[in-house]
Amino acid sequence: MTQTLFDKLWDQHLVVPETIDHPGVMYIDLHLVHEVTSPQAFAELERRALKVRCPARTLATADHSIPTMPGRPFRDQLAKKQVDRLVENCQRHGVRCYGVNDPNQGIVHVIGPELGRTQPGMTIVCGDSHTSTHGAFGALAFGIGTSEVTGVLATQCLLQRKPKTCAIYLEGELQAGVSAKDVALFVISQIGASGGTGHVLEYKGSAVRAMNMAERMTLCNMSIEAGARAGMIAADDTTIKYLKERVSTASASEWQKLETKWRAAKSDSDAIYDRTVHLDVTNLQPMITYGTSPDAAIAVTDPIPLDADPRALDYMGFTAGMILQGTPVDMVFLGSCTNSRIEDLRIAADALKGRKVNPKTKLLVVPGSGAVKRQAEDEGLVQIFKDAGADWREPGCSMCIAMNGDQLQPGQLAVSTSNRNFEGRQGPGGRTLLASPLTAMAAAINGVVSDCRTLMNQEVCS
């Protein structure tokens, strides 16, 4: 019987099949841990005198609550306690932890792939909804709750009901100035914030195959914003090239075995999905959100729809029919597990080179990991950011979740490369417009919501 990529990974990792009365038991290849959802889980292990079942299959990092200011000063003592407790728990249980001063510390969904720990064919979980990022490698990756974190730490298994499958075909060649973030916002705007509920999305088509791994991670990262359980992209030459630079093996024959296994992480050509969506991205324009849900997204040149949610518009201070271009922007945030990789920083620095951030707008640039930070320094990107007037920070989730002072003040408007524009997400009363790194830089330079393609017409941004 032909199978989808998801079906294959589900069957390969199922320890005990599900029944009408009970979920199935799934084996987990990699468990990612951070400081926010793990304290209660480790405490429960201690209470029950349990150990971490597979420390080698567990990777921890401080990312959500960690400060990003130089010197790492904690403004939130609860956050400091969370980070300290993570390090203590990991030391006690023999789990590798990338703490505050570790050179490889970073956002969990950035360091997993760059360290070569994320690989095709794996099941990967984390107490964080954007674990779907790792699906870009042909892995089944999704977020879990705190009680489930406890269960995986103790058993390396997870109770799970099998979701349905949905293939999303993205065809066409992206125009200049249009990126994977624009594609993600477009997909969500088309199928809705609950369009993927109960499904695992598999992205397919020529537009997906043309994306590099950073772009694929951005696309899969946003799957959860469509309500999906996970997002996946089958492994191919692009995946193998990325991994070959990061995964060390003892011999050429061992590598060949890995590559053969990884290339098998794909759907059969005649696999049948529960649902199929076809979208042409040939004429897609740079996108931006206008409301308080990621599916409230439009081309940056379009007016806000007349049937837009009036409550969301009231919160945002917008009106139906309004065109966002020219709207003053208080803050621009480049970062988060969606857009903080070296590829994102290169795009941003290219746009900023020889330009200045508008004096009425603050630009906050937060690299996704220590490795990204060092590479940005080596390539001269950091100096471009600083010369332009940007605020360059240490790795962490930062303003995505409004931690340690990295947040909006009530009423302020931000163009953000993160993944959520919920009310208060980036600070109580703060208003967020989600966009690509290039669109974000256009806003930072002009001080207003802008079409990033105007920068390109000035022959400074490629």
Protein backbone atom coordinates (compact mmCIF):
# COMPACT_ATOMS: atom_id res chain seq x y z
CA MET A 1 0.00 0.00 0.00
CA THR A 2 1.36 3.42 -0.92
CA GLN A 3 2.09 5.81 1.93
CA THR A 4 2.69 9.48 2.60
CA LEU A 5 5.88 10.58 4.37
CA PHE A 6 3.85 11.08 7.53
CA ASP A 7 2.31 7.60 7.32
CA LYS A 8 5.76 6.05 6.98
CA LEU A 9 7.19 7.83 10.00
CA TRP A 10 4.09 7.13 12.05
CA ASP A 11 4.27 3.40 11.36
CA GLN A 12 8.05 3.23 11.89
CA HIS A 13 7.79 4.82 15.34
CA LEU A 14 4.59 3.26 16.63
CA VAL A 15 5.35 1.09 19.66
CA VAL A 16 1.75 0.24 20.49
CA PRO A 17 -1.07 0.81 17.96
CA GLU A 18 -3.94 3.07 18.94
CA THR A 19 -7.43 1.75 19.55
CA ILE A 20 -10.83 3.37 19.91
CA ASP A 21 -10.25 3.56 23.64
CA HIS A 22 -6.55 4.39 23.78
CA PRO A 23 -4.05 6.56 21.86
CA GLY A 24 -1.08 4.89 20.24
CA VAL A 25 2.36 4.89 21.84
CA MET A 26 5.01 6.59 19.69
CA TYR A 27 8.78 6.43 20.13
CA ILE A 28 10.55 9.79 20.10
CA ASP A 29 13.98 10.10 18.49
CA LEU A 30 14.83 13.59 19.76
CA HIS A 31 13.38 15.52 22.67
CA LEU A 32 14.15 19.26 22.71
CA VAL A 33 13.87 21.03 26.06
CA HIS A 34 13.90 24.67 27.16
CA GLU A 35 13.46 26.54 30.42
CA VAL A 36 9.76 27.46 30.26
CA THR A 37 7.99 24.09 29.95
CA SER A 38 10.59 21.87 31.62
CA PRO A 39 10.74 22.90 35.33
CA GLN A 40 7.43 21.23 36.20
CA ALA A 41 8.37 18.16 34.18
CA PHE A 42 11.71 17.69 35.94
CA ALA A 43 10.03 18.34 39.28
CA GLU A 44 7.57 15.55 38.55
CA LEU A 45 10.47 13.19 37.78
CA GLU A 46 12.02 14.05 41.13
CA ARG A 47 8.71 13.57 42.93
CA ARG A 48 8.31 10.10 41.44
CA ALA A 49 12.01 9.18 41.76
CA LEU A 50 12.35 8.74 37.99
CA LYS A 51 15.33 9.34 35.72
CA VAL A 52 15.51 10.71 32.21
CA ARG A 53 15.13 7.60 30.07
CA CYS A 54 17.47 8.62 27.21
CA PRO A 55 19.68 11.62 28.06
CA ALA A 56 21.53 11.24 24.74
CA ARG A 57 18.25 11.77 22.88
CA THR A 58 17.49 14.92 24.88
CA LEU A 59 18.89 18.36 24.05
CA ALA A 60 18.29 21.45 26.17
CA THR A 61 18.90 25.16 25.69
CA ALA A 62 17.98 28.42 27.35
CA ASP A 63 16.10 30.56 24.85
CA HIS A 64 12.68 31.84 25.91
CA SER A 65 13.49 33.62 29.15
CA ILE A 66 17.14 34.48 28.57
CA PRO A 67 18.06 38.17 28.27
CA THR A 68 19.50 39.41 24.99
CA MET A 69 21.14 42.61 26.22
CA PRO A 70 24.98 42.56 26.21
CA GLY A 71 26.12 41.17 29.55
CA ARG A 72 22.83 39.24 29.86
CA PRO A 73 21.24 41.25 32.72
CA PHE A 74 17.98 39.66 33.88
CA ARG A 75 15.16 42.18 34.35
CA ASP A 76 12.78 39.36 35.27
CA GLN A 77 13.85 37.30 38.29
CA LEU A 78 11.36 34.56 37.48
CA ALA A 79 13.07 34.22 34.11
CA LYS A 80 16.45 33.96 35.83
CA LYS A 81 15.12 31.27 38.11
CA GLN A 82 13.80 29.32 35.10
CA VAL A 83 17.16 29.44 33.33
CA ASP A 84 19.11 28.48 36.47
CA ARG A 85 16.72 25.62 37.17
CA LEU A 86 17.10 24.28 33.62
CA VAL A 87 20.87 24.08 33.98
CA GLU A 88 20.59 22.42 37.40
CA ASN A 89 18.04 19.86 36.18
CA CYS A 90 20.10 18.96 33.13
CA GLN A 91 23.26 18.53 35.17
CA ARG A 92 21.41 16.25 37.58
CA HIS A 93 20.05 14.05 34.79
CA GLY A 94 23.03 14.03 32.42
CA VAL A 95 21.29 16.04 29.67
CA ARG A 96 23.39 18.25 27.38
CA CYS A 97 22.34 21.85 28.06
CA TYR A 98 23.36 24.99 26.22
CA GLY A 99 23.12 27.59 28.97
CA VAL A 100 23.74 31.31 29.22
CA ASN A 101 27.48 31.27 28.56
CA ASP A 102 27.62 28.34 26.17
CA PRO A 103 28.91 29.37 22.71
CA ASN A 104 26.21 27.26 21.03
CA GLN A 105 23.30 28.59 23.10
CA GLY A 106 20.38 29.75 21.02
CA ILE A 107 16.75 29.28 20.09
CA VAL A 108 15.95 25.59 20.29
CA HIS A 109 14.54 25.45 16.75
CA VAL A 110 17.68 27.10 15.39
CA ILE A 111 20.37 25.11 17.17
CA GLY A 112 18.79 21.68 16.62
CA PRO A 113 19.28 21.84 12.84
CA GLU A 114 22.60 23.73 12.88
CA LEU A 115 24.13 21.16 15.27
CA GLY A 116 23.04 18.35 12.97
CA ARG A 117 20.68 16.89 15.56
CA THR A 118 17.60 17.34 13.37
CA GLN A 119 17.57 14.66 10.69
CA PRO A 120 15.17 13.13 8.12
CA GLY A 121 12.96 10.30 9.30
CA MET A 122 13.03 11.35 12.96
CA THR A 123 10.24 11.99 15.39
CA ILE A 124 11.00 15.20 17.28
CA VAL A 125 9.03 16.86 20.08
CA CYS A 126 9.44 19.89 22.30
CA GLY A 127 7.32 21.79 24.76
CA ASP A 128 6.94 24.54 22.18
CA SER A 129 4.39 24.86 19.39
CA HIS A 130 6.91 25.88 16.72
CA THR A 131 8.65 22.51 16.84
CA SER A 132 7.06 22.10 13.40
CA THR A 133 10.18 23.96 12.14
CA HIS A 134 12.15 20.69 12.14
CA GLY A 135 9.71 19.13 9.67
CA ALA A 136 11.66 20.97 6.95
CA PHE A 137 14.12 18.03 7.12
CA GLY A 138 11.59 15.30 6.46
CA ALA A 139 11.02 14.75 10.17
CA LEU A 140 7.76 14.44 12.07
CA ALA A 141 8.10 17.27 14.57
CA PHE A 142 5.47 18.88 16.78
CA GLY A 143 4.90 20.64 20.08
CA ILE A 144 3.73 18.94 23.26
CA GLY A 145 2.38 20.05 26.64
CA THR A 146 4.18 20.08 29.99
CA SER A 147 2.67 16.79 31.19
CA GLU A 148 3.76 15.21 27.91
CA VAL A 149 7.27 16.60 28.42
CA THR A 150 7.33 14.64 31.69
CA GLY A 151 6.23 11.48 29.91
CA VAL A 152 8.84 11.74 27.17
CA LEU A 153 11.63 12.48 29.67
CA ALA A 154 10.65 9.39 31.65
CA THR A 155 9.84 6.94 28.83
CA GLN A 156 11.11 8.39 25.52
CA CYS A 157 7.58 7.67 24.28
CA LEU A 158 4.43 9.67 23.77
CA LEU A 159 0.71 8.88 23.70
CA GLN A 160 -0.66 10.14 20.40
CA ARG A 161 -3.73 9.94 18.16
CA LYS A 162 -2.99 9.77 14.46
CA PRO A 163 -3.83 13.01 12.64
CA LYS A 164 -4.95 13.31 9.02
CA THR A 165 -2.74 14.36 6.11
CA CYS A 166 -2.88 17.39 3.85
CA ALA A 167 -0.66 18.02 0.83
CA ILE A 168 -0.07 21.68 -0.03
CA TYR A 169 1.32 22.09 -3.54
CA LEU A 170 3.09 25.43 -4.08
CA GLU A 171 3.91 25.95 -7.73
CA GLY A 172 5.63 28.77 -9.58
CA GLU A 173 8.74 30.89 -9.27
CA LEU A 174 8.82 33.59 -6.60
CA GLN A 175 9.29 37.16 -7.79
CA ALA A 176 12.14 39.35 -6.54
CA GLY A 177 11.39 40.63 -3.03
CA VAL A 178 9.12 37.69 -2.17
CA SER A 179 10.36 35.12 0.35
CA ALA A 180 9.34 31.99 2.22
CA LYS A 181 7.80 34.15 4.96
CA ASP A 182 5.52 35.73 2.38
CA VAL A 183 4.61 32.26 1.12
CA ALA A 184 3.80 31.11 4.66
CA LEU A 185 1.55 34.10 5.32
CA PHE A 186 -0.12 33.58 1.95
CA VAL A 187 -0.84 29.91 2.67
CA ILE A 188 -2.31 30.72 6.07
CA SER A 189 -4.43 33.54 4.61
CA GLN A 190 -5.82 31.09 2.04
CA ILE A 191 -6.64 28.11 4.26
CA GLY A 192 -7.30 30.03 7.48
CA ALA A 193 -5.94 29.90 11.03
CA SER A 194 -7.80 26.62 11.58
CA GLY A 195 -7.44 25.30 8.05
CA GLY A 196 -4.86 22.72 9.08
CA THR A 197 -6.51 21.62 12.30
CA GLY A 198 -6.23 17.87 12.82
CA HIS A 199 -3.78 17.50 9.94
CA VAL A 200 -0.08 17.20 9.25
CA LEU A 201 0.79 19.43 6.29
CA GLU A 202 3.28 18.26 3.67
CA TYR A 203 4.57 21.05 1.43
CA LYS A 204 5.31 20.03 -2.14
CA GLY A 205 5.81 21.60 -5.55
CA SER A 206 8.37 23.57 -7.53
CA ALA A 207 8.36 26.61 -5.23
CA VAL A 208 9.19 24.44 -2.23
CA ARG A 209 11.98 22.56 -4.01
CA ALA A 210 13.59 25.87 -4.97
CA MET A 211 13.83 26.95 -1.32
CA ASN A 212 17.01 26.58 0.73
CA MET A 213 16.82 24.94 4.16
CA ALA A 214 16.41 28.22 6.04
CA GLU A 215 13.42 29.07 3.85
CA ARG A 216 11.93 25.62 4.31
CA MET A 217 12.30 25.95 8.08
CA THR A 218 10.44 29.28 7.94
CA LEU A 219 7.60 27.69 5.99
CA CYS A 220 7.29 24.67 8.30
CA ASN A 221 7.65 26.90 11.36
CA MET A 222 4.43 28.74 10.47
CA SER A 223 2.39 25.54 9.97
CA ILE A 224 1.10 25.74 13.52
CA GLU A 225 -0.38 29.17 12.70
CA ALA A 226 -2.73 27.38 10.31
CA GLY A 227 -3.78 25.09 13.17
CA ALA A 228 -1.78 22.13 11.84
CA ARG A 229 -0.22 19.48 14.04
CA ALA A 230 3.00 19.64 12.04
CA GLY A 231 4.52 20.69 8.73
CA MET A 232 6.84 18.53 6.63
CA ILE A 233 9.01 18.70 3.52
CA ALA A 234 10.57 15.54 2.09
CA ALA A 235 14.36 15.26 2.10
CA ASP A 236 16.20 15.93 -1.19
CA ASP A 237 19.60 17.10 -2.47
CA THR A 238 19.22 20.43 -0.65
CA THR A 239 18.60 18.61 2.64
CA ILE A 240 21.52 16.23 2.16
CA LYS A 241 23.94 19.06 1.32
CA TYR A 242 22.92 20.95 4.47
CA LEU A 243 23.38 17.88 6.66
CA LYS A 244 26.67 16.86 5.10
CA GLU A 245 28.17 20.08 6.43
CA ARG A 246 26.91 19.36 9.95
CA VAL A 247 26.76 15.63 10.60
CA SER A 248 30.05 13.85 11.17
CA THR A 249 30.38 10.13 10.45
CA ALA A 250 33.14 7.61 10.99
CA SER A 251 33.43 6.54 7.36
CA ALA A 252 32.22 7.10 3.81
CA SER A 253 30.19 3.89 3.95
CA GLU A 254 28.46 5.03 7.14
CA TRP A 255 27.58 8.32 5.48
CA GLN A 256 26.19 6.47 2.47
CA LYS A 257 23.91 4.45 4.75
CA LEU A 258 22.65 7.65 6.38
CA GLU A 259 22.06 9.32 3.03
CA THR A 260 20.16 6.30 1.72
CA LYS A 261 17.98 6.30 4.83
CA TRP A 262 17.36 10.04 4.64
CA ARG A 263 16.41 9.99 0.97
CA ALA A 264 13.77 7.41 1.81
CA ALA A 265 12.04 10.05 3.94
CA LYS A 266 9.54 10.97 1.25
CA SER A 267 6.01 10.11 0.19
CA ASP A 268 5.34 7.51 -2.45
CA SER A 269 4.61 9.07 -5.83
CA ASP A 270 1.00 7.83 -5.78
CA ALA A 271 0.36 8.42 -2.08
CA ILE A 272 -3.16 9.54 -1.21
CA TYR A 273 -3.75 12.42 1.22
CA ASP A 274 -6.89 13.17 3.18
CA ARG A 275 -6.87 16.66 1.71
CA THR A 276 -5.01 18.44 -1.07
CA VAL A 277 -4.49 22.19 -1.65
CA HIS A 278 -3.01 23.72 -4.81
CA LEU A 279 -1.66 27.29 -4.76
CA ASP A 280 0.21 29.24 -7.45
CA VAL A 281 2.77 31.66 -6.01
CA THR A 282 3.99 33.07 -9.33
CA ASN A 283 2.30 36.43 -8.81
CA LEU A 284 2.63 36.52 -5.04
CA GLN A 285 3.60 39.92 -3.62
CA PRO A 286 5.29 40.78 -0.30
CA MET A 287 2.78 40.07 2.47
CA ILE A 288 1.95 41.72 5.78
CA THR A 289 -0.66 41.09 8.49
CA TYR A 290 -3.19 43.68 9.58
CA GLY A 291 -5.10 41.98 12.41
CA THR A 292 -4.53 39.84 15.47
CA SER A 293 -4.28 36.44 13.79
CA PRO A 294 -1.64 35.28 11.28
CA ASP A 295 -4.33 34.51 8.69
CA ALA A 296 -5.23 38.20 8.58
CA ALA A 297 -2.61 38.79 5.90
CA ILE A 298 -2.63 40.73 2.63
CA ALA A 299 -0.21 41.96 -0.01
CA VAL A 300 1.50 45.04 1.40
CA THR A 301 0.02 47.10 -1.45
CA ASP A 302 -3.58 45.93 -0.89
CA PRO A 303 -6.26 47.56 1.28
CA ILE A 304 -7.50 45.87 4.43
CA PRO A 305 -10.52 43.72 3.46
CA LEU A 306 -13.93 45.26 4.01
CA ASP A 307 -15.05 42.14 5.89
CA ALA A 308 -12.10 42.17 8.30
CA ASP A 309 -12.77 41.34 11.97
CA PRO A 310 -13.95 44.64 13.52
CA ARG A 311 -12.67 43.69 16.98
CA ALA A 312 -9.18 43.05 15.62
CA LEU A 313 -9.22 46.30 13.66
CA ASP A 314 -10.30 48.20 16.76
CA TYR A 315 -7.35 46.76 18.69
CA MET A 316 -4.94 47.57 15.87
CA GLY A 317 -6.32 51.06 15.32
CA PHE A 318 -7.06 50.34 11.65
CA THR A 319 -10.17 50.59 9.50
CA ALA A 320 -11.53 48.36 6.74
CA GLY A 321 -10.37 49.54 3.32
CA MET A 322 -7.28 51.23 4.77
CA ILE A 323 -3.95 50.78 2.98
CA LEU A 324 -1.15 50.10 5.46
CA GLN A 325 1.65 51.61 3.38
CA GLY A 326 2.77 54.85 4.96
CA THR A 327 1.62 53.89 8.47
CA PRO A 328 4.29 55.01 11.02
CA VAL A 329 6.20 52.16 12.69
CA ASP A 330 7.68 52.43 16.19
CA MET A 331 9.68 49.21 16.26
CA VAL A 332 11.07 46.62 13.86
CA PHE A 333 12.08 43.19 15.16
CA LEU A 334 14.36 40.87 13.21
CA GLY A 335 14.58 37.56 15.03
CA SER A 336 12.63 34.57 16.45
CA CYS A 337 12.69 30.90 15.44
CA THR A 338 10.99 31.97 12.21
CA ASN A 339 13.56 34.41 10.81
CA SER A 340 16.81 34.64 12.81
CA ARG A 341 19.14 32.43 10.79
CA ILE A 342 22.23 33.66 8.99
CA GLU A 343 20.33 33.72 5.68
CA ASP A 344 17.75 36.10 7.20
CA LEU A 345 20.46 38.36 8.59
CA ARG A 346 22.24 38.47 5.22
CA ILE A 347 19.05 39.64 3.50
CA ALA A 348 18.52 42.31 6.16
CA ALA A 349 22.11 43.53 6.11
CA ASP A 350 22.06 43.70 2.30
CA ALA A 351 19.02 45.97 2.51
CA LEU A 352 20.57 48.16 5.23
CA LYS A 353 24.02 48.55 3.69
CA GLY A 354 24.71 52.24 3.10
CA ARG A 355 21.40 53.23 4.70
CA LYS A 356 20.21 54.36 8.13
CA VAL A 357 17.33 53.27 10.33
CA ASN A 358 14.72 56.02 10.48
CA PRO A 359 15.30 58.07 13.66
CA LYS A 360 11.67 57.59 14.69
CA THR A 361 11.90 53.79 14.46
CA LYS A 362 13.92 51.34 16.57
CA LEU A 363 15.39 48.25 14.92
CA LEU A 364 16.14 45.28 17.17
CA VAL A 365 18.25 42.49 15.62
CA VAL A 366 18.50 39.24 17.60
CA PRO A 367 20.46 36.32 16.09
CA GLY A 368 19.01 32.84 16.53
CA SER A 369 22.12 31.27 18.04
CA GLY A 370 25.70 31.78 19.09
CA ALA A 371 26.81 30.24 15.80
CA VAL A 372 24.65 32.67 13.82
CA LYS A 373 26.05 35.56 15.85
CA ARG A 374 29.66 34.56 15.19
CA GLN A 375 29.02 34.05 11.49
CA ALA A 376 27.32 37.44 11.24
CA GLU A 377 30.35 39.00 12.90
CA ASP A 378 32.78 37.16 10.60
CA GLU A 379 30.87 38.24 7.50
CA GLY A 380 30.73 41.88 8.57
CA LEU A 381 26.96 41.90 8.92
CA VAL A 382 27.04 43.11 12.50
CA GLN A 383 28.96 46.22 11.55
CA ILE A 384 26.39 46.98 8.86
CA PHE A 385 23.60 46.68 11.43
CA LYS A 386 25.41 48.92 13.89
CA ASP A 387 26.36 51.51 11.24
CA ALA A 388 22.71 51.68 10.22
CA GLY A 389 21.67 52.33 13.82
CA ALA A 390 20.24 48.94 14.70
CA ASP A 391 20.35 47.48 18.22
CA TRP A 392 22.43 44.26 17.97
CA ARG A 393 21.72 41.66 20.66
CA GLU A 394 22.65 38.24 22.07
CA PRO A 395 20.74 35.08 20.95
CA GLY A 396 17.27 34.36 22.33
CA CYS A 397 13.54 34.49 21.68
CA SER A 398 13.50 38.12 22.79
CA MET A 399 10.67 40.32 21.55
CA CYS A 400 8.78 37.42 20.00
CA ILE A 401 7.43 36.73 23.48
CA ALA A 402 8.19 40.11 25.08
CA MET A 403 10.83 38.91 27.55
CA ASN A 404 13.30 40.81 29.74
CA GLY A 405 12.27 44.24 28.50
CA ASP A 406 12.36 43.36 24.79
CA GLN A 407 8.80 44.45 24.18
CA LEU A 408 6.43 47.06 22.84
CA GLN A 409 4.83 49.74 24.96
CA PRO A 410 1.02 50.06 24.87
CA GLY A 411 -0.12 51.40 21.51
CA GLN A 412 3.23 51.00 19.78
CA LEU A 413 3.26 49.41 16.32
CA ALA A 414 5.89 46.89 15.25
CA VAL A 415 6.79 45.17 12.00
CA SER A 416 8.08 41.80 13.18
CA THR A 417 9.64 38.78 11.49
CA SER A 418 8.25 36.51 14.22
CA ASN A 419 5.23 34.22 13.90
CA ARG A 420 2.39 35.54 16.03
CA ASN A 421 0.50 38.83 16.08
CA PHE A 422 -1.90 38.01 18.91
CA GLU A 423 -3.09 40.79 21.20
CA GLY A 424 -0.30 41.60 23.67
CA ARG A 425 2.05 38.97 22.26
CA GLN A 426 4.92 41.45 22.00
CA GLY A 427 3.89 43.52 25.00
CA PRO A 428 0.57 44.53 26.63
CA GLY A 429 -1.26 46.84 24.25
CA GLY A 430 1.42 46.39 21.59
CA ARG A 431 0.39 45.98 17.95
CA THR A 432 2.24 43.62 15.61
CA LEU A 433 2.44 43.36 11.83
CA LEU A 434 4.08 40.11 10.69
CA ALA A 435 6.32 40.33 7.64
CA SER A 436 9.47 39.04 5.97
CA PRO A 437 12.98 40.28 6.87
CA LEU A 438 13.09 42.37 3.70
CA THR A 439 9.72 44.03 4.34
CA ALA A 440 10.79 44.61 7.94
CA MET A 441 13.97 46.37 6.80
CA ALA A 442 11.97 48.57 4.43
CA ALA A 443 9.87 49.68 7.42
CA ALA A 444 12.99 50.29 9.52
CA ILE A 445 14.60 52.45 6.83
CA ASN A 446 11.51 54.44 5.88
CA GLY A 447 9.94 54.58 9.33
CA VAL A 448 6.62 53.51 7.85
CA VAL A 449 5.06 50.34 6.44
CA SER A 450 6.64 50.02 3.00
CA ASP A 451 6.80 47.85 -0.10
CA CYS A 452 10.29 46.33 0.12
CA ARG A 453 10.57 46.30 -3.66
CA THR A 454 11.11 50.07 -3.61
CA LEU A 455 14.47 49.37 -1.95
CA MET A 456 15.40 47.01 -4.73
CA ASN A 457 14.55 49.56 -7.38
CA GLN A 458 17.22 51.76 -5.80
CA GLU A 459 19.73 49.02 -6.64
CA VAL A 460 21.01 48.65 -3.11
CA CYS A 461 19.14 45.53 -2.06
CA SER A 462 19.40 42.30 -4.00
